[in-house]
Amino acid sequence: MTGLRRKSRRIGCNVSFLGGGAATNLSGRITDLSGTGLFLITNRLIPVGKQVHLEFELRTGKVEAVGEVRWVDKGPPVAGLGIRFLRLSAASARAIDEAVAAC
């Protein structure tokens, strides 16, 4: 995805992630975050369109959301998932917005 298509400010980060959803256990590291989604480095690649439950901790608070896999990077150098937030609580959105604003 090119920078021209992005509408939200993104930050680089290094946050541990454990989550998934029904029969989908994911773990990895979030390396890119915005108010609309994230990039997760993981060895478990799941199909585009699949919804996943997201839980992770930022310095600004805990984030709980439902996201949808929008794209898959099979690597190298890294494999991972581009995930767009579908449902995000007000507290989770605030934690992300504050983390992005702090950078």
Protein backbone atom coordinates (compact mmCIF):
# COMPACT_ATOMS: atom_id res chain seq x y z
CA MET A 1 0.00 0.00 0.00
CA THR A 2 1.46 3.37 -0.90
CA GLY A 3 1.58 6.36 1.42
CA LEU A 4 -0.75 8.24 -0.92
CA ARG A 5 -3.67 5.95 -0.06
CA ARG A 6 -3.29 6.30 3.69
CA LYS A 7 -5.57 8.79 5.38
CA SER A 8 -4.51 8.31 9.01
CA ARG A 9 -1.20 9.18 10.59
CA ARG A 10 0.81 6.02 11.26
CA ILE A 11 3.55 5.36 13.77
CA GLY A 12 6.19 2.71 14.01
CA CYS A 13 5.98 0.66 17.18
CA ASN A 14 7.15 -2.61 18.72
CA VAL A 15 4.24 -4.08 20.68
CA SER A 16 3.69 -7.75 21.58
CA PHE A 17 0.43 -9.19 20.35
CA LEU A 18 -1.58 -12.24 21.35
CA GLY A 19 -5.06 -12.69 19.99
CA GLY A 20 -7.06 -14.09 17.17
CA GLY A 21 -10.60 -15.30 17.44
CA ALA A 22 -12.60 -18.45 16.92
CA ALA A 23 -10.01 -21.11 16.03
CA THR A 24 -7.46 -18.44 15.09
CA ASN A 25 -4.59 -18.02 17.52
CA LEU A 26 -2.21 -15.28 16.50
CA SER A 27 0.95 -14.01 18.09
CA GLY A 28 3.59 -11.61 16.89
CA ARG A 29 4.69 -7.99 16.98
CA ILE A 30 2.79 -4.92 15.89
CA THR A 31 5.24 -2.71 13.99
CA ASP A 32 2.93 -0.12 12.44
CA LEU A 33 -0.17 1.44 14.02
CA SER A 34 -2.78 4.07 13.14
CA GLY A 35 -6.32 4.92 14.13
CA THR A 36 -7.58 2.73 11.30
CA GLY A 37 -5.39 -0.36 11.57
CA LEU A 38 -2.05 -2.04 12.12
CA PHE A 39 0.62 -4.29 10.65
CA LEU A 40 1.34 -7.50 12.53
CA ILE A 41 4.54 -9.46 11.94
CA THR A 42 3.53 -13.10 12.42
CA ASN A 43 4.31 -16.57 11.13
CA ARG A 44 0.59 -17.43 11.08
CA LEU A 45 -0.80 -16.03 7.85
CA ILE A 46 -4.57 -16.03 7.59
CA PRO A 47 -6.72 -15.19 4.57
CA VAL A 48 -7.75 -11.72 3.47
CA GLY A 49 -11.26 -10.95 4.71
CA LYS A 50 -11.00 -12.99 7.92
CA GLN A 51 -12.04 -11.17 11.10
CA VAL A 52 -9.80 -11.38 14.16
CA HIS A 53 -10.12 -10.32 17.78
CA LEU A 54 -7.33 -7.93 18.78
CA GLU A 55 -6.00 -7.25 22.27
CA PHE A 56 -2.76 -5.45 23.01
CA GLU A 57 -1.32 -2.99 25.49
CA LEU A 58 0.05 0.44 24.62
CA ARG A 59 1.66 2.88 27.06
CA THR A 60 -1.55 4.89 26.75
CA GLY A 61 -3.88 1.99 27.58
CA LYS A 62 -5.28 -1.38 26.62
CA VAL A 63 -6.71 -1.83 23.13
CA GLU A 64 -9.51 -4.29 22.38
CA ALA A 65 -10.97 -4.41 18.89
CA VAL A 66 -12.23 -6.52 16.04
CA GLY A 67 -10.27 -6.22 12.83
CA GLU A 68 -10.29 -7.61 9.32
CA VAL A 69 -7.26 -8.87 7.43
CA ARG A 70 -6.92 -6.53 4.44
CA TRP A 71 -3.64 -7.79 3.00
CA VAL A 72 -1.02 -10.49 3.56
CA ASP A 73 2.75 -10.08 3.15
CA LYS A 74 4.35 -13.49 2.72
CA GLY A 75 7.86 -12.03 3.04
CA PRO A 76 10.79 -11.98 2.92
CA PRO A 77 12.11 -10.07 4.72
CA VAL A 78 9.14 -10.42 7.09
CA ALA A 79 5.76 -12.09 6.89
CA GLY A 80 2.71 -10.43 8.33
CA LEU A 81 -0.82 -9.13 8.12
CA GLY A 82 -2.29 -5.72 7.39
CA ILE A 83 -5.36 -5.45 9.61
CA ARG A 84 -8.06 -2.77 9.48
CA PHE A 85 -10.09 -2.01 12.60
CA LEU A 86 -13.80 -2.78 12.22
CA ARG A 87 -14.96 -2.28 15.81
CA LEU A 88 -13.02 -0.29 18.37
CA SER A 89 -14.26 0.88 21.77
CA ALA A 90 -14.02 4.57 22.66
CA ALA A 91 -11.35 3.81 25.28
CA SER A 92 -9.33 1.78 22.77
CA ALA A 93 -9.61 4.47 20.09
CA ARG A 94 -8.45 7.06 22.64
CA ALA A 95 -5.43 4.92 23.61
CA ILE A 96 -4.42 4.61 19.93
CA ASP A 97 -4.99 8.31 19.21
CA GLU A 98 -2.89 9.31 22.23
CA ALA A 99 -0.09 6.92 21.24
CA VAL A 100 -0.05 8.28 17.67
CA ALA A 101 -0.13 11.90 18.87
CA ALA A 102 2.79 11.28 21.26
CA CYS A 103 5.14 10.41 18.38
